[in-house]
C-alpha atoms as a PDB file:
ATOM      1  CA  UNK A   1       9.956-108.775  -9.293  1.00  0.00           C
ATOM      2  CA  UNK A   2      12.338-105.653  -9.559  1.00  0.00           C
ATOM      3  CA  UNK A   3      10.337-104.146  -6.465  1.00  0.00           C
ATOM      4  CA  UNK A   4      11.016-107.196  -4.589  1.00  0.00           C
ATOM      5  CA  UNK A   5      14.399-107.448  -5.247  1.00  0.00           C
ATOM      6  CA  UNK A   6      14.885-103.653  -4.246  1.00  0.00           C
ATOM      7  CA  UNK A   7      13.164-104.220  -1.177  1.00  0.00           C
ATOM      8  CA  UNK A   8      15.928-107.510  -0.602  1.00  0.00           C
ATOM      9  CA  UNK A   9      18.606-105.051  -1.107  1.00  0.00           C
ATOM     10  CA  UNK A  10      17.689-102.546   1.026  1.00  0.00           C
ATOM     11  CA  UNK A  11      17.068-104.999   3.504  1.00  0.00           C
ATOM     12  CA  UNK A  12      20.635-106.306   3.413  1.00  0.00           C
ATOM     13  CA  UNK A  13      21.590-103.115   3.179  1.00  0.00           C
ATOM     14  CA  UNK A  14      20.043-102.115   6.396  1.00  0.00           C
ATOM     15  CA  UNK A  15      20.986-105.564   8.640  1.00  0.00           C
ATOM     16  CA  UNK A  16      24.625-105.212   6.950  1.00  0.00           C
ATOM     17  CA  UNK A  17      25.045-101.445   8.371  1.00  0.00           C
ATOM     18  CA  UNK A  18      24.196-103.003  11.625  1.00  0.00           C
ATOM     19  CA  UNK A  19      26.517-105.442  11.212  1.00  0.00           C
ATOM     20  CA  UNK A  20      29.270-102.502  10.501  1.00  0.00           C
ATOM     21  CA  UNK A  21      28.357-100.901  13.326  1.00  0.00           C
ATOM     22  CA  UNK A  22      28.459-103.377  15.598  1.00  0.00           C
ATOM     23  CA  UNK A  23      32.084-104.576  14.550  1.00  0.00           C
ATOM     24  CA  UNK A  24      33.135-100.900  14.930  1.00  0.00           C
ATOM     25  CA  UNK A  25      34.098-101.194  11.546  1.00  0.00           C
ATOM     26  CA  UNK A  26      32.371 -97.716   9.978  1.00  0.00           C
ATOM     27  CA  UNK A  27      35.183 -95.927  10.050  1.00  0.00           C
ATOM     28  CA  UNK A  28      37.296 -98.599   8.503  1.00  0.00           C
ATOM     29  CA  UNK A  29      37.522 -97.177   5.334  1.00  0.00           C
ATOM     30  CA  UNK A  30      38.535 -93.715   6.445  1.00  0.00           C
ATOM     31  CA  UNK A  31      37.879 -91.927   2.890  1.00  0.00           C
ATOM     32  CA  UNK A  32      34.995 -92.051   0.505  1.00  0.00           C
ATOM     33  CA  UNK A  33      33.951 -92.823  -1.846  1.00  0.00           C
ATOM     34  CA  UNK A  34      37.728 -94.819  -2.221  1.00  0.00           C
ATOM     35  CA  UNK A  35      38.642 -97.179   0.774  1.00  0.00           C
ATOM     36  CA  UNK A  36      42.368 -96.316   1.716  1.00  0.00           C
ATOM     37  CA  UNK A  37      42.511 -94.862  -1.455  1.00  0.00           C
ATOM     38  CA  UNK A  38      41.843 -97.590  -3.599  1.00  0.00           C
ATOM     39  CA  UNK A  39      39.396 -99.201  -5.405  1.00  0.00           C
ATOM     40  CA  UNK A  40      39.876-102.812  -3.811  1.00  0.00           C
ATOM     41  CA  UNK A  41      40.934-102.075  -0.298  1.00  0.00           C
ATOM     42  CA  UNK A  42      43.741-104.076   1.934  1.00  0.00           C
ATOM     43  CA  UNK A  43      41.989-107.380   3.025  1.00  0.00           C
ATOM     44  CA  UNK A  44      41.329-106.749   6.278  1.00  0.00           C
ATOM     45  CA  UNK A  45      38.039-108.111   8.034  1.00  0.00           C
ATOM     46  CA  UNK A  46      36.767-104.512   9.121  1.00  0.00           C
ATOM     47  CA  UNK A  47      38.235-103.098   6.038  1.00  0.00           C
ATOM     48  CA  UNK A  48      36.064-105.655   4.042  1.00  0.00           C
ATOM     49  CA  UNK A  49      32.685-105.144   6.173  1.00  0.00           C
ATOM     50  CA  UNK A  50      32.464-101.975   5.719  1.00  0.00           C
ATOM     51  CA  UNK A  51      33.576-101.803   2.080  1.00  0.00           C
ATOM     52  CA  UNK A  52      31.268-104.724   1.254  1.00  0.00           C
ATOM     53  CA  UNK A  53      28.187-102.149   3.237  1.00  0.00           C
ATOM     54  CA  UNK A  54      29.416 -99.704   0.123  1.00  0.00           C
ATOM     55  CA  UNK A  55      28.905-101.883  -2.479  1.00  0.00           C
ATOM     56  CA  UNK A  56      25.460-103.231  -1.562  1.00  0.00           C
ATOM     57  CA  UNK A  57      24.464 -99.649  -1.160  1.00  0.00           C
ATOM     58  CA  UNK A  58      25.650 -98.786  -4.955  1.00  0.00           C
ATOM     59  CA  UNK A  59      23.934-102.145  -6.005  1.00  0.00           C
ATOM     60  CA  UNK A  60      20.948-100.991  -3.941  1.00  0.00           C
ATOM     61  CA  UNK A  61      20.864 -97.363  -4.606  1.00  0.00           C
ATOM     62  CA  UNK A  62      20.846 -98.335  -8.555  1.00  0.00           C
ATOM     63  CA  UNK A  63      17.680-100.674  -8.135  1.00  0.00           C
ATOM     64  CA  UNK A  64      15.952 -98.069  -6.040  1.00  0.00           C
ATOM     65  CA  UNK A  65      16.565 -95.746  -9.083  1.00  0.00           C
ATOM     66  CA  UNK A  66      15.655 -97.978 -11.610  1.00  0.00           C
ATOM     67  CA  UNK A  67      12.184 -99.066  -9.757  1.00  0.00           C
ATOM     68  CA  UNK A  68      11.694 -94.989  -9.345  1.00  0.00           C
ATOM     69  CA  UNK A  69      11.837 -94.365 -12.810  1.00  0.00           C
ATOM     70  CA  UNK A  70       9.760 -97.486 -13.647  1.00  0.00           C
ATOM     71  CA  UNK A  71       6.888 -95.945 -11.006  1.00  0.00           C
ATOM     72  CA  UNK A  72       7.314 -92.718 -12.345  1.00  0.00           C
ATOM     73  CA  UNK A  73       5.706 -93.670 -15.415  1.00  0.00           C
ATOM     74  CA  UNK A  74       3.338 -95.821 -14.142  1.00  0.00           C
ATOM     75  CA  UNK A  75       2.295 -93.869 -11.559  1.00  0.00           C
ATOM     76  CA  UNK A  76      -0.380 -90.583 -12.505  1.00  0.00           C
ATOM     77  CA  UNK A  77      -0.793 -87.294 -10.834  1.00  0.00           C
ATOM     78  CA  UNK A  78       0.395 -86.905  -7.461  1.00  0.00           C
ATOM     79  CA  UNK A  79       1.303 -90.534  -6.792  1.00  0.00           C
ATOM     80  CA  UNK A  80       4.442 -89.442  -8.743  1.00  0.00           C
ATOM     81  CA  UNK A  81       5.920 -87.944  -5.062  1.00  0.00           C
ATOM     82  CA  UNK A  82       6.562 -91.411  -4.099  1.00  0.00           C
ATOM     83  CA  UNK A  83       9.015 -92.234  -6.284  1.00  0.00           C
ATOM     84  CA  UNK A  84      10.600 -88.707  -6.084  1.00  0.00           C
ATOM     85  CA  UNK A  85      10.884 -88.509  -2.786  1.00  0.00           C
ATOM     86  CA  UNK A  86      12.574 -92.135  -2.481  1.00  0.00           C
ATOM     87  CA  UNK A  87      15.012 -90.637  -5.274  1.00  0.00           C
ATOM     88  CA  UNK A  88      15.645 -87.412  -3.163  1.00  0.00           C
ATOM     89  CA  UNK A  89      15.962 -89.220   0.436  1.00  0.00           C
ATOM     90  CA  UNK A  90      18.376 -91.462  -1.705  1.00  0.00           C
ATOM     91  CA  UNK A  91      20.456 -88.568  -2.698  1.00  0.00           C
ATOM     92  CA  UNK A  92      20.213 -87.064   0.676  1.00  0.00           C
ATOM     93  CA  UNK A  93      21.525 -90.576   2.270  1.00  0.00           C
ATOM     94  CA  UNK A  94      25.040 -90.562   0.076  1.00  0.00           C
ATOM     95  CA  UNK A  95      25.629 -87.168   1.418  1.00  0.00           C
ATOM     96  CA  UNK A  96      25.044 -88.203   4.955  1.00  0.00           C
ATOM     97  CA  UNK A  97      27.107 -91.587   4.747  1.00  0.00           C
ATOM     98  CA  UNK A  98      30.018 -89.717   3.018  1.00  0.00           C
ATOM     99  CA  UNK A  99      29.841 -87.085   5.751  1.00  0.00           C
ATOM    100  CA  UNK A 100      29.687 -89.943   8.649  1.00  0.00           C
ATOM    101  CA  UNK A 101      32.688 -91.096   7.412  1.00  0.00           C
ATOM    102  CA  UNK A 102      34.827 -87.613   6.578  1.00  0.00           C
ATOM    103  CA  UNK A 103      33.398 -85.063   8.849  1.00  0.00           C
ATOM    104  CA  UNK A 104      32.351 -87.577  12.164  1.00  0.00           C
ATOM    105  CA  UNK A 105      28.963 -85.737  11.720  1.00  0.00           C
ATOM    106  CA  UNK A 106      26.836 -85.466  15.727  1.00  0.00           C
ATOM    107  CA  UNK A 107      25.082 -88.072  17.168  1.00  0.00           C
ATOM    108  CA  UNK A 108      21.851 -86.742  16.063  1.00  0.00           C
ATOM    109  CA  UNK A 109      22.628 -86.551  12.274  1.00  0.00           C
ATOM    110  CA  UNK A 110      23.900 -90.365  12.090  1.00  0.00           C
ATOM    111  CA  UNK A 111      20.249 -91.259  13.561  1.00  0.00           C
ATOM    112  CA  UNK A 112      19.083 -89.313  10.925  1.00  0.00           C
ATOM    113  CA  UNK A 113      20.766 -90.909   8.571  1.00  0.00           C
ATOM    114  CA  UNK A 114      19.537 -94.106   9.607  1.00  0.00           C
ATOM    115  CA  UNK A 115      15.700 -93.021   9.726  1.00  0.00           C
ATOM    116  CA  UNK A 116      16.156 -91.521   6.239  1.00  0.00           C
ATOM    117  CA  UNK A 117      17.108 -95.171   5.174  1.00  0.00           C
ATOM    118  CA  UNK A 118      14.408 -96.737   6.786  1.00  0.00           C
ATOM    119  CA  UNK A 119      11.808 -94.214   5.086  1.00  0.00           C
ATOM    120  CA  UNK A 120      13.533 -95.182   1.915  1.00  0.00           C
ATOM    121  CA  UNK A 121      13.173 -98.991   2.405  1.00  0.00           C
ATOM    122  CA  UNK A 122       9.469 -98.524   3.179  1.00  0.00           C
ATOM    123  CA  UNK A 123       9.055 -96.103  -0.007  1.00  0.00           C
ATOM    124  CA  UNK A 124      10.445 -99.318  -2.034  1.00  0.00           C
ATOM    125  CA  UNK A 125       8.274-101.652   0.017  1.00  0.00           C
ATOM    126  CA  UNK A 126       4.947 -99.351  -1.006  1.00  0.00           C
ATOM    127  CA  UNK A 127       6.231 -98.952  -5.017  1.00  0.00           C
ATOM    128  CA  UNK A 128       6.620-102.800  -4.627  1.00  0.00           C
ATOM    129  CA  UNK A 129       3.239-103.729  -2.970  1.00  0.00           C
ATOM    130  CA  UNK A 130       1.709-100.591  -5.510  1.00  0.00           C
ATOM    131  CA  UNK A 131       3.042-101.289  -8.967  1.00  0.00           C
ATOM    132  CA  UNK A 132       0.818 -98.464 -11.109  1.00  0.00           C
ATOM    133  CA  UNK A 133      -0.713-101.184 -13.521  1.00  0.00           C
ATOM    134  CA  UNK A 134      -2.599-103.812 -11.377  1.00  0.00           C
ATOM    135  CA  UNK A 135      -2.687-102.125  -8.078  1.00  0.00           C
ATOM    136  CA  UNK A 136      -3.333 -97.906  -8.763  1.00  0.00           C
ATOM    137  CA  UNK A 137      -1.487 -96.286  -5.906  1.00  0.00           C
ATOM    138  CA  UNK A 138      -3.162 -95.498  -3.356  1.00  0.00           C
ATOM    139  CA  UNK A 139      -3.417 -94.275   0.310  1.00  0.00           C
ATOM    140  CA  UNK A 140      -5.677 -94.165   3.396  1.00  0.00           C
ATOM    141  CA  UNK A 141      -5.998 -93.123   7.117  1.00  0.00           C
ATOM    142  CA  UNK A 142      -9.588 -94.005   7.745  1.00  0.00           C
ATOM    143  CA  UNK A 143     -10.950 -96.726   9.653  1.00  0.00           C
ATOM    144  CA  UNK A 144      -8.848 -99.806   9.897  1.00  0.00           C
ATOM    145  CA  UNK A 145      -6.367 -98.682   7.697  1.00  0.00           C
ATOM    146  CA  UNK A 146      -5.495 -96.245  10.111  1.00  0.00           C
ATOM    147  CA  UNK A 147      -5.196 -98.406  12.779  1.00  0.00           C
ATOM    148  CA  UNK A 148      -2.153-100.151  11.053  1.00  0.00           C
ATOM    149  CA  UNK A 149      -0.539 -97.239   9.925  1.00  0.00           C
ATOM    150  CA  UNK A 150      -0.280 -95.828  13.371  1.00  0.00           C
ATOM    151  CA  UNK A 151       1.127 -98.893  14.862  1.00  0.00           C
ATOM    152  CA  UNK A 152       3.920 -98.711  12.115  1.00  0.00           C
ATOM    153  CA  UNK A 153       4.413 -94.979  12.970  1.00  0.00           C
ATOM    154  CA  UNK A 154       5.098 -96.557  16.466  1.00  0.00           C
ATOM    155  CA  UNK A 155       7.578 -99.303  15.058  1.00  0.00           C
ATOM    156  CA  UNK A 156       9.118 -96.310  13.316  1.00  0.00           C
ATOM    157  CA  UNK A 157       9.606 -94.133  15.969  1.00  0.00           C
ATOM    158  CA  UNK A 158      11.047 -97.361  18.428  1.00  0.00           C
ATOM    159  CA  UNK A 159      13.399 -98.252  15.694  1.00  0.00           C
ATOM    160  CA  UNK A 160      14.994 -94.507  15.422  1.00  0.00           C
ATOM    161  CA  UNK A 161      14.924 -94.514  19.173  1.00  0.00           C
ATOM    162  CA  UNK A 162      16.899 -97.608  19.381  1.00  0.00           C
ATOM    163  CA  UNK A 163      19.241 -96.059  16.883  1.00  0.00           C
ATOM    164  CA  UNK A 164      19.405 -93.000  18.829  1.00  0.00           C
ATOM    165  CA  UNK A 165      20.576 -94.999  22.232  1.00  0.00           C
ATOM    166  CA  UNK A 166      23.141 -96.782  19.708  1.00  0.00           C
ATOM    167  CA  UNK A 167      24.408 -93.915  18.406  1.00  0.00           C
ATOM    168  CA  UNK A 168      24.676 -92.276  21.679  1.00  0.00           C
ATOM    169  CA  UNK A 169      26.906 -95.365  23.429  1.00  0.00           C
ATOM    170  CA  UNK A 170      23.369 -95.690  25.693  1.00  0.00           C
ATOM    171  CA  UNK A 171      23.228 -99.625  24.760  1.00  0.00           C
ATOM    172  CA  UNK A 172      24.614-100.331  28.229  1.00  0.00           C
ATOM    173  CA  UNK A 173      23.044 -98.096  30.083  1.00  0.00           C
ATOM    174  CA  UNK A 174      21.094-100.729  31.755  1.00  0.00           C
ATOM    175  CA  UNK A 175      23.613-103.181  32.124  1.00  0.00           C
ATOM    176  CA  UNK A 176      20.332-105.606  33.250  1.00  0.00           C
ATOM    177  CA  UNK A 177      17.392-106.745  31.809  1.00  0.00           C
ATOM    178  CA  UNK A 178      14.661-106.520  32.403  1.00  0.00           C
ATOM    179  CA  UNK A 179      15.926-104.821  35.392  1.00  0.00           C
ATOM    180  CA  UNK A 180      17.217-101.422  35.050  1.00  0.00           C
ATOM    181  CA  UNK A 181      19.832-100.454  37.522  1.00  0.00           C
ATOM    182  CA  UNK A 182      18.281-102.936  40.158  1.00  0.00           C
ATOM    183  CA  UNK A 183      14.911-102.291  39.810  1.00  0.00           C
ATOM    184  CA  UNK A 184      12.112-101.763  37.511  1.00  0.00           C
ATOM    185  CA  UNK A 185      12.511 -98.200  37.275  1.00  0.00           C
ATOM    186  CA  UNK A 186      15.967 -96.551  37.562  1.00  0.00           C
ATOM    187  CA  UNK A 187      16.442 -93.958  40.347  1.00  0.00           C
ATOM    188  CA  UNK A 188      18.086 -91.227  38.412  1.00  0.00           C
ATOM    189  CA  UNK A 189      16.532 -90.599  34.930  1.00  0.00           C
ATOM    190  CA  UNK A 190      18.768 -88.497  33.224  1.00  0.00           C
ATOM    191  CA  UNK A 191      21.770 -89.105  30.529  1.00  0.00           C
ATOM    192  CA  UNK A 192      22.737 -92.321  28.580  1.00  0.00           C
ATOM    193  CA  UNK A 193      19.722 -94.130  31.360  1.00  0.00           C
ATOM    194  CA  UNK A 194      17.268 -92.015  30.429  1.00  0.00           C
ATOM    195  CA  UNK A 195      17.782 -92.548  26.640  1.00  0.00           C
ATOM    196  CA  UNK A 196      18.012 -96.240  27.164  1.00  0.00           C
ATOM    197  CA  UNK A 197      15.120 -96.325  29.384  1.00  0.00           C
ATOM    198  CA  UNK A 198      12.557 -94.667  27.241  1.00  0.00           C
ATOM    199  CA  UNK A 199      13.739 -97.116  24.614  1.00  0.00           C
ATOM    200  CA  UNK A 200      12.640 -99.639  26.869  1.00  0.00           C
ATOM    201  CA  UNK A 201       9.047 -97.923  27.703  1.00  0.00           C
ATOM    202  CA  UNK A 202       8.067 -97.664  23.963  1.00  0.00           C
ATOM    203  CA  UNK A 203       9.279-101.066  23.613  1.00  0.00           C
ATOM    204  CA  UNK A 204       6.782-102.209  25.977  1.00  0.00           C
ATOM    205  CA  UNK A 205       4.003 -99.870  25.035  1.00  0.00           C
ATOM    206  CA  UNK A 206       4.648-101.067  21.067  1.00  0.00           C
ATOM    207  CA  UNK A 207       4.539-104.697  21.987  1.00  0.00           C
ATOM    208  CA  UNK A 208       1.052-104.128  24.263  1.00  0.00           C
ATOM    209  CA  UNK A 209       0.135-102.922  21.122  1.00  0.00           C
ATOM    210  CA  UNK A 210       0.587-105.358  19.106  1.00  0.00           C
ATOM    211  CA  UNK A 211      -1.062-107.639  21.322  1.00  0.00           C
ATOM    212  CA  UNK A 212      -4.231-105.477  21.594  1.00  0.00           C
ATOM    213  CA  UNK A 213      -4.138-105.372  17.819  1.00  0.00           C
ATOM    214  CA  UNK A 214      -4.649-109.148  17.631  1.00  0.00           C
ATOM    215  CA  UNK A 215      -7.254-109.796  20.276  1.00  0.00           C
ATOM    216  CA  UNK A 216      -9.092-107.105  17.846  1.00  0.00           C
ATOM    217  CA  UNK A 217      -8.402-108.949  14.709  1.00  0.00           C
ATOM    218  CA  UNK A 218      -9.317-112.332  16.294  1.00  0.00           C
ATOM    219  CA  UNK A 219     -12.624-110.746  17.286  1.00  0.00           C
ATOM    220  CA  UNK A 220     -13.398-109.113  14.308  1.00  0.00           C
ATOM    221  CA  UNK A 221     -14.677-111.172  11.575  1.00  0.00           C
ATOM    222  CA  UNK A 222     -14.018-108.426   8.799  1.00  0.00           C
ATOM    223  CA  UNK A 223     -10.587-108.493   9.554  1.00  0.00           C
ATOM    224  CA  UNK A 224     -10.212-112.777   8.628  1.00  0.00           C
ATOM    225  CA  UNK A 225      -8.155-112.506   6.238  1.00  0.00           C
ATOM    226  CA  UNK A 226      -5.490-110.121   8.114  1.00  0.00           C
ATOM    227  CA  UNK A 227      -5.352-113.008  10.881  1.00  0.00           C
ATOM    228  CA  UNK A 228      -2.299-114.643   9.640  1.00  0.00           C
ATOM    229  CA  UNK A 229      -0.460-111.194   9.504  1.00  0.00           C
ATOM    230  CA  UNK A 230      -1.643-110.035  13.090  1.00  0.00           C
ATOM    231  CA  UNK A 231      -0.287-113.481  14.461  1.00  0.00           C
ATOM    232  CA  UNK A 232       3.228-113.307  12.192  1.00  0.00           C
ATOM    233  CA  UNK A 233       3.597-109.766  13.908  1.00  0.00           C
ATOM    234  CA  UNK A 234       2.699-111.091  17.609  1.00  0.00           C
ATOM    235  CA  UNK A 235       5.492-113.565  17.081  1.00  0.00           C
ATOM    236  CA  UNK A 236       7.698-110.878  15.631  1.00  0.00           C
ATOM    237  CA  UNK A 237       7.100-108.434  18.602  1.00  0.00           C
ATOM    238  CA  UNK A 238       7.851-111.068  21.085  1.00  0.00           C
ATOM    239  CA  UNK A 239      11.112-112.237  19.856  1.00  0.00           C
ATOM    240  CA  UNK A 240      12.013-108.337  19.399  1.00  0.00           C
ATOM    241  CA  UNK A 241      11.430-108.000  23.018  1.00  0.00           C
ATOM    242  CA  UNK A 242      13.430-111.123  23.758  1.00  0.00           C
ATOM    243  CA  UNK A 243      16.230-110.220  21.410  1.00  0.00           C
ATOM    244  CA  UNK A 244      16.267-106.680  22.995  1.00  0.00           C
ATOM    245  CA  UNK A 245      16.999-108.307  26.209  1.00  0.00           C
ATOM    246  CA  UNK A 246      19.465-110.846  24.730  1.00  0.00           C
ATOM    247  CA  UNK A 247      21.121-107.222  23.261  1.00  0.00           C
ATOM    248  CA  UNK A 248      21.777-106.404  26.617  1.00  0.00           C
ATOM    249  CA  UNK A 249      22.887-109.338  28.031  1.00  0.00           C
ATOM    250  CA  UNK A 250      25.127-110.260  25.442  1.00  0.00           C
ATOM    251  CA  UNK A 251      26.487-106.999  25.970  1.00  0.00           C
ATOM    252  CA  UNK A 252      25.635-105.330  22.038  1.00  0.00           C
ATOM    253  CA  UNK A 253      27.000-108.558  20.309  1.00  0.00           C
ATOM    254  CA  UNK A 254      26.976-107.693  16.816  1.00  0.00           C
ATOM    255  CA  UNK A 255      24.748-110.662  15.910  1.00  0.00           C
ATOM    256  CA  UNK A 256      22.046-110.169  18.545  1.00  0.00           C
ATOM    257  CA  UNK A 257      22.177-106.491  17.340  1.00  0.00           C
ATOM    258  CA  UNK A 258      21.800-107.220  13.882  1.00  0.00           C
ATOM    259  CA  UNK A 259      18.936-109.804  14.429  1.00  0.00           C
ATOM    260  CA  UNK A 260      17.181-107.013  16.626  1.00  0.00           C
ATOM    261  CA  UNK A 261      17.288-104.819  13.341  1.00  0.00           C
ATOM    262  CA  UNK A 262      16.224-107.750  10.922  1.00  0.00           C
ATOM    263  CA  UNK A 263      12.945-108.098  13.412  1.00  0.00           C
ATOM    264  CA  UNK A 264      12.007-104.526  13.357  1.00  0.00           C
ATOM    265  CA  UNK A 265      12.500-104.379   9.759  1.00  0.00           C
ATOM    266  CA  UNK A 266      10.004-107.675   9.371  1.00  0.00           C
ATOM    267  CA  UNK A 267       7.757-105.715  11.948  1.00  0.00           C
ATOM    268  CA  UNK A 268       7.117-102.451   9.581  1.00  0.00           C
ATOM    269  CA  UNK A 269       6.821-104.716   6.709  1.00  0.00           C
ATOM    270  CA  UNK A 270       4.155-106.954   7.963  1.00  0.00           C
ATOM    271  CA  UNK A 271       2.133-103.421   9.530  1.00  0.00           C
ATOM    272  CA  UNK A 272       2.715-102.593   5.496  1.00  0.00           C
ATOM    273  CA  UNK A 273       1.072-105.376   4.255  1.00  0.00           C
ATOM    274  CA  UNK A 274      -1.791-105.179   6.974  1.00  0.00           C
ATOM    275  CA  UNK A 275      -2.343-101.679   5.612  1.00  0.00           C
ATOM    276  CA  UNK A 276      -1.783-102.030   2.282  1.00  0.00           C
ATOM    277  CA  UNK A 277      -4.606-105.019   2.154  1.00  0.00           C
ATOM    278  CA  UNK A 278      -7.052-103.259   3.839  1.00  0.00           C
ATOM    279  CA  UNK A 279      -6.761-100.120   1.300  1.00  0.00           C
ATOM    280  CA  UNK A 280      -6.833-102.442  -1.583  1.00  0.00           C
ATOM    281  CA  UNK A 281      -9.804-104.210   0.073  1.00  0.00           C
ATOM    282  CA  UNK A 282     -11.686-101.265   0.464  1.00  0.00           C
ATOM    283  CA  UNK A 283     -10.976 -99.815  -2.812  1.00  0.00           C
ATOM    284  CA  UNK A 284      -9.824 -96.566  -2.609  1.00  0.00           C
ATOM    285  CA  UNK A 285      -9.961 -93.683  -5.271  1.00  0.00           C
ATOM    286  CA  UNK A 286      -5.746 -93.856  -6.110  1.00  0.00           C
ATOM    287  CA  UNK A 287      -4.396 -90.604  -6.111  1.00  0.00           C
ATOM    288  CA  UNK A 288      -4.791 -89.865 -10.130  1.00  0.00           C
ATOM    289  CA  UNK A 289      -8.481 -89.662  -9.786  1.00  0.00           C
END
């Protein structure tokens, strides 16, 4: 229960942070940890969007720390590195979050801030799935589990590149969709166009990979248990492509970008559960043996 609650809070935090960025409200509270020098800031939409982002972050952080403490007690051996890593990433996230507000850190570091947040989210998903009691912590990169893990890495990198596109203000470098500069391939691949188009190319690669994965799952009777998850992943991937186009066509409308983020998180969760199911099915030795 605690694990699922923490995952839900972190999901909300990441999507809310995307809404804040879409509304250009990230610096509506110009100081940190207070907001306009107050615990309760002035009543204005952009200010309260950022203020609530901080509140959600605080609640999610407390919940994550409680989960880390519990898993640190329940895990054995090197598996204890998981809650330690999650807590460490959280601490770095807090520092980077303050630096974004106070110092206006470079675009590369804001992307690192996002990817660390995504890593914390996935570590929380791991701790929710492997509770250390019913399901001892386990890890595998062999056989089919390696396939699911590898596709998860692709989606993770795609999300990170998407964040870089946004932070570099390259979201509309290709102002049409599915075309770019009136063609399938832009004539000039430099600067913002290169950043944006790279995201599209990787997105296409991920979508084709998910289609191939679904076909493989359908054809392999040993993966019958994963068929529902594979179908969900395919639907999410198709929806993500459509919403990605919507993001461009609506000129980065904040609700479309937030939906884009939510679907990406959903894809990562589905891929994680496909990987975890394979790990549990193979009855791999936990790290503490």
